[in-house]
Amino acid sequence: MALSTLPVAILAGGLATRLKPITEKVPKLLVEVAGEPFFSHQLRLLKKAGLTKVVLCVGYLGEKIVESYGNGSDWGIEIKYSFDGPKLLGTGGALMQALPLLGPAFYVLYGDSYLPIDYRAVGDAFLKSGKLGLMTVYENRELYDSSNVWFEGGAIRAYDKMNKLPSMRHIDYGLGVFKPGAFEGYPRGEVVDLAVVQKALLSAGQLAGYEMTQRFYEIGSHAGLAELNQLLKNTV
């Protein structure tokens, strides 16, 4: 399985309520950052990493993204779309809806994450792990958000967004890699949270961990958007 052929599923179907009023008429991927839609910045990172297949899991205002980016040919990237349908399916449900487009293994990236990292190193670690899933983690120590991962000795010991342990110093970084088998047994067309799938994989010994040392950026909040806007204005 060649790393360059792994598609990237981008979770972009949510309502982006934290970014209102900006997102009342514009989906999060089209929010302007440093003079361009955020999605353009994401695509540039993926193309730089040699990843040229993208599957967008879209829902709210998704048709506007299709109008703007089409099949990705202008970017030299193949873009396919998977719509939630009449109701939002959550992060896990959206991925299950997209499985027919994703093949035997795929990256999962959040639609508000800007990660200027070595994506192929993450994919390589996943393939070498032999597990059904991989979660990237970052030693956050409550700096950017609430830490929710206990990572020690190169492995994830616990992951829980609701029940915090004193040993949790890391956070889910916003990039994962999965095989379709990770989603077996969950109801199709229903709301499923990816965090539930990840916790089940961890319990079954099927979730690898990969520690990132470079901080993440996000546009999920007004503060995150302002910070990334400033960063990219200074570097573009």
Protein backbone atom coordinates (compact mmCIF):
# COMPACT_ATOMS: atom_id res chain seq x y z
CA MET A 1 0.00 0.00 0.00
CA ALA A 2 1.73 3.19 -1.18
CA LEU A 3 1.47 6.18 1.14
CA SER A 4 0.93 8.53 -1.78
CA THR A 5 -2.23 6.66 -2.75
CA LEU A 6 -3.90 6.98 0.66
CA PRO A 7 -6.83 9.38 0.42
CA VAL A 8 -7.48 12.05 3.01
CA ALA A 9 -10.99 12.20 4.43
CA ILE A 10 -11.71 15.71 5.68
CA LEU A 11 -14.51 16.09 8.23
CA ALA A 12 -16.28 19.27 7.17
CA GLY A 13 -19.96 18.65 7.77
CA GLY A 14 -20.58 20.37 11.08
CA LEU A 15 -22.48 23.58 11.75
CA ALA A 16 -19.41 25.49 13.01
CA THR A 17 -21.52 27.16 15.70
CA ARG A 18 -18.46 28.56 17.52
CA LEU A 19 -17.61 30.64 14.46
CA LYS A 20 -20.99 32.35 14.15
CA PRO A 21 -21.94 34.79 12.73
CA ILE A 22 -19.25 34.14 10.09
CA THR A 23 -20.54 30.64 9.36
CA GLU A 24 -24.24 31.49 9.10
CA LYS A 25 -23.87 31.74 5.32
CA VAL A 26 -20.39 30.30 4.72
CA PRO A 27 -19.22 26.75 5.56
CA LYS A 28 -16.10 26.55 7.73
CA LEU A 29 -13.85 25.42 4.86
CA LEU A 30 -14.66 28.62 2.96
CA VAL A 31 -13.99 31.00 5.85
CA GLU A 32 -11.37 33.49 4.72
CA VAL A 33 -7.89 33.17 6.23
CA ALA A 34 -5.07 35.44 5.04
CA GLY A 35 -7.07 36.43 1.96
CA GLU A 36 -8.09 32.91 0.87
CA PRO A 37 -10.64 30.27 1.83
CA PHE A 38 -9.23 28.07 4.61
CA PHE A 39 -9.59 24.98 2.39
CA SER A 40 -7.03 26.40 -0.04
CA HIS A 41 -4.46 26.44 2.77
CA GLN A 42 -5.30 22.86 3.70
CA LEU A 43 -5.01 21.69 0.10
CA ARG A 44 -1.62 23.34 -0.25
CA LEU A 45 -0.32 21.42 2.76
CA LEU A 46 -1.64 18.10 1.46
CA LYS A 47 -0.25 18.61 -2.02
CA LYS A 48 3.16 19.52 -0.56
CA ALA A 49 3.05 16.17 1.28
CA GLY A 50 2.29 14.34 -1.98
CA LEU A 51 -1.26 13.52 -0.95
CA THR A 52 -3.48 14.20 -3.94
CA LYS A 53 -6.73 12.37 -3.18
CA VAL A 54 -9.27 14.08 -0.94
CA VAL A 55 -12.73 12.96 0.13
CA LEU A 56 -14.73 15.76 1.70
CA CYS A 57 -17.34 14.66 4.23
CA VAL A 58 -19.77 17.55 3.97
CA GLY A 59 -23.19 18.50 5.22
CA TYR A 60 -24.09 22.06 6.17
CA LEU A 61 -23.65 24.37 3.11
CA GLY A 62 -21.54 21.68 1.43
CA GLU A 63 -22.81 22.59 -2.03
CA LYS A 64 -20.94 25.91 -1.74
CA ILE A 65 -17.67 24.00 -1.40
CA VAL A 66 -18.51 21.96 -4.51
CA GLU A 67 -19.19 25.19 -6.41
CA SER A 68 -15.83 26.64 -5.37
CA TYR A 69 -13.53 23.63 -5.76
CA GLY A 70 -15.31 21.14 -8.03
CA ASN A 71 -13.28 17.99 -8.66
CA GLY A 72 -10.02 19.66 -7.62
CA SER A 73 -8.47 19.68 -11.09
CA ASP A 74 -7.42 23.33 -10.71
CA TRP A 75 -5.29 22.23 -7.78
CA GLY A 76 -3.92 19.04 -9.29
CA ILE A 77 -5.84 17.16 -6.61
CA GLU A 78 -8.75 14.73 -6.96
CA ILE A 79 -11.65 15.82 -4.76
CA LYS A 80 -14.69 13.63 -4.15
CA TYR A 81 -17.66 14.49 -1.96
CA SER A 82 -19.65 12.48 0.54
CA PHE A 83 -22.79 14.25 1.80
CA ASP A 84 -24.34 13.36 5.15
CA GLY A 85 -27.82 13.44 3.66
CA PRO A 86 -30.99 14.63 5.41
CA LYS A 87 -29.36 14.73 8.85
CA LEU A 88 -25.87 15.34 10.18
CA LEU A 89 -24.22 12.02 11.05
CA GLY A 90 -21.45 13.11 13.39
CA THR A 91 -17.75 12.56 12.72
CA GLY A 92 -17.86 8.76 12.79
CA GLY A 93 -21.14 8.50 10.91
CA ALA A 94 -19.84 10.80 8.17
CA LEU A 95 -16.76 8.61 7.73
CA MET A 96 -18.87 5.46 7.47
CA GLN A 97 -20.97 7.18 4.81
CA ALA A 98 -17.75 7.90 2.88
CA LEU A 99 -16.18 4.43 3.19
CA PRO A 100 -17.02 3.37 -0.41
CA LEU A 101 -14.82 6.26 -1.60
CA LEU A 102 -11.91 5.66 0.77
CA GLY A 103 -10.38 2.28 -0.02
CA PRO A 104 -8.33 0.00 2.29
CA ALA A 105 -6.74 2.77 4.42
CA PHE A 106 -7.13 6.53 4.72
CA TYR A 107 -6.13 9.62 6.67
CA VAL A 108 -8.77 11.55 8.62
CA LEU A 109 -8.28 15.29 9.06
CA TYR A 110 -10.61 17.71 10.80
CA GLY A 111 -11.99 20.46 8.59
CA ASP A 112 -10.75 23.17 10.95
CA SER A 113 -7.19 21.85 11.48
CA TYR A 114 -4.12 23.43 9.94
CA LEU A 115 -1.24 21.01 10.43
CA PRO A 116 2.06 21.90 8.69
CA ILE A 117 3.62 18.50 9.39
CA ASP A 118 5.09 15.37 7.80
CA TYR A 119 1.88 13.55 6.88
CA ARG A 120 3.72 10.66 5.27
CA ALA A 121 5.62 9.88 8.48
CA VAL A 122 2.25 9.53 10.22
CA GLY A 123 0.94 7.23 7.47
CA ASP A 124 4.11 5.16 7.60
CA ALA A 125 3.78 4.71 11.37
CA PHE A 126 0.20 3.56 10.88
CA LEU A 127 1.05 0.98 8.23
CA LYS A 128 3.91 -0.37 10.38
CA SER A 129 1.64 -0.63 13.45
CA GLY A 130 -0.64 -3.21 11.84
CA LYS A 131 -3.56 -1.77 13.82
CA LEU A 132 -6.99 -0.62 12.63
CA GLY A 133 -6.47 2.97 13.69
CA LEU A 134 -3.87 5.56 14.66
CA MET A 135 -4.31 8.77 16.62
CA THR A 136 -1.77 11.58 16.57
CA VAL A 137 -1.27 13.25 19.95
CA TYR A 138 0.45 16.38 21.23
CA GLU A 139 1.74 17.19 24.72
CA ASN A 140 -0.66 20.00 25.35
CA ARG A 141 -0.62 20.33 29.16
CA GLU A 142 -3.88 22.35 29.02
CA LEU A 143 -2.23 25.03 26.86
CA TYR A 144 -4.51 25.11 23.79
CA ASP A 145 -7.49 23.06 24.96
CA SER A 146 -8.36 20.50 27.61
CA SER A 147 -5.95 17.54 27.52
CA ASN A 148 -7.80 14.27 26.92
CA VAL A 149 -5.12 11.64 26.25
CA TRP A 150 -2.82 9.68 28.55
CA PHE A 151 0.15 8.88 26.33
CA GLU A 152 3.15 7.11 27.82
CA GLY A 153 5.90 4.85 26.55
CA GLY A 154 4.95 5.47 22.93
CA ALA A 155 1.38 4.23 23.45
CA ILE A 156 -2.05 5.66 24.25
CA ARG A 157 -3.09 4.45 27.71
CA ALA A 158 -6.41 6.30 27.91
CA TYR A 159 -8.52 8.63 25.79
CA ASP A 160 -11.63 10.33 27.09
CA LYS A 161 -13.12 13.73 26.32
CA MET A 162 -15.55 13.60 29.24
CA ASN A 163 -13.73 11.94 32.14
CA LYS A 164 -10.36 13.52 32.77
CA LEU A 165 -7.48 11.70 34.45
CA PRO A 166 -4.54 13.45 36.16
CA SER A 167 -2.19 11.55 33.84
CA MET A 168 -3.72 13.15 30.72
CA ARG A 169 -1.16 15.65 29.45
CA HIS A 170 -1.70 15.09 25.71
CA ILE A 171 -4.50 16.01 23.33
CA ASP A 172 -5.92 14.50 20.15
CA TYR A 173 -3.92 16.39 17.50
CA GLY A 174 -6.52 16.36 14.72
CA LEU A 175 -5.10 13.78 12.31
CA GLY A 176 -5.78 10.04 12.28
CA VAL A 177 -5.38 7.07 9.99
CA PHE A 178 -7.83 4.17 9.74
CA LYS A 179 -8.80 1.00 7.97
CA PRO A 180 -12.50 0.41 7.22
CA GLY A 181 -12.54 -2.42 9.78
CA ALA A 182 -12.35 0.21 12.52
CA PHE A 183 -15.99 1.06 11.80
CA GLU A 184 -17.47 -2.44 11.69
CA GLY A 185 -20.49 -3.00 13.91
CA TYR A 186 -21.71 0.59 14.01
CA PRO A 187 -25.11 1.52 12.53
CA ARG A 188 -24.99 3.10 9.08
CA GLY A 189 -26.94 6.30 8.53
CA GLU A 190 -26.99 7.08 12.25
CA VAL A 191 -25.10 9.60 14.38
CA VAL A 192 -21.76 8.15 15.50
CA ASP A 193 -18.96 10.14 17.14
CA LEU A 194 -15.43 9.28 16.00
CA ALA A 195 -14.30 9.53 19.63
CA VAL A 196 -16.53 6.53 20.45
CA VAL A 197 -14.89 4.53 17.67
CA GLN A 198 -11.42 5.52 18.86
CA LYS A 199 -12.17 4.55 22.47
CA ALA A 200 -13.44 1.15 21.32
CA LEU A 201 -10.32 0.62 19.22
CA LEU A 202 -8.15 1.49 22.22
CA SER A 203 -9.99 -1.01 24.41
CA ALA A 204 -9.42 -3.69 21.75
CA GLY A 205 -5.70 -2.88 21.46
CA GLN A 206 -6.25 -1.58 17.93
CA LEU A 207 -5.36 2.12 18.29
CA ALA A 208 -1.76 3.15 17.69
CA GLY A 209 -0.44 6.46 18.99
CA TYR A 210 1.97 8.82 17.29
CA GLU A 211 3.34 11.84 19.12
CA MET A 212 3.68 15.16 17.31
CA THR A 213 6.13 17.77 18.55
CA GLN A 214 4.92 20.71 16.45
CA ARG A 215 1.87 22.54 17.76
CA PHE A 216 -1.40 22.52 15.85
CA TYR A 217 -3.43 25.42 14.50
CA GLU A 218 -7.21 25.55 14.10
CA ILE A 219 -10.04 27.77 12.97
CA GLY A 220 -12.70 26.17 15.15
CA SER A 221 -12.87 29.28 17.31
CA HIS A 222 -12.61 33.03 16.72
CA ALA A 223 -9.34 33.11 18.68
CA GLY A 224 -7.88 30.25 16.64
CA LEU A 225 -8.99 31.88 13.40
CA ALA A 226 -7.37 35.20 14.35
CA GLU A 227 -4.12 33.48 15.32
CA LEU A 228 -3.86 31.45 12.11
CA ASN A 229 -4.80 34.48 10.03
CA GLN A 230 -1.88 36.38 11.55
CA LEU A 231 0.52 33.45 11.10
CA LEU A 232 -0.31 32.92 7.44
CA LYS A 233 -0.29 36.62 6.64
CA ASN A 234 3.28 36.71 7.86
CA THR A 235 4.39 33.61 5.96
CA VAL A 236 2.49 33.65 2.67
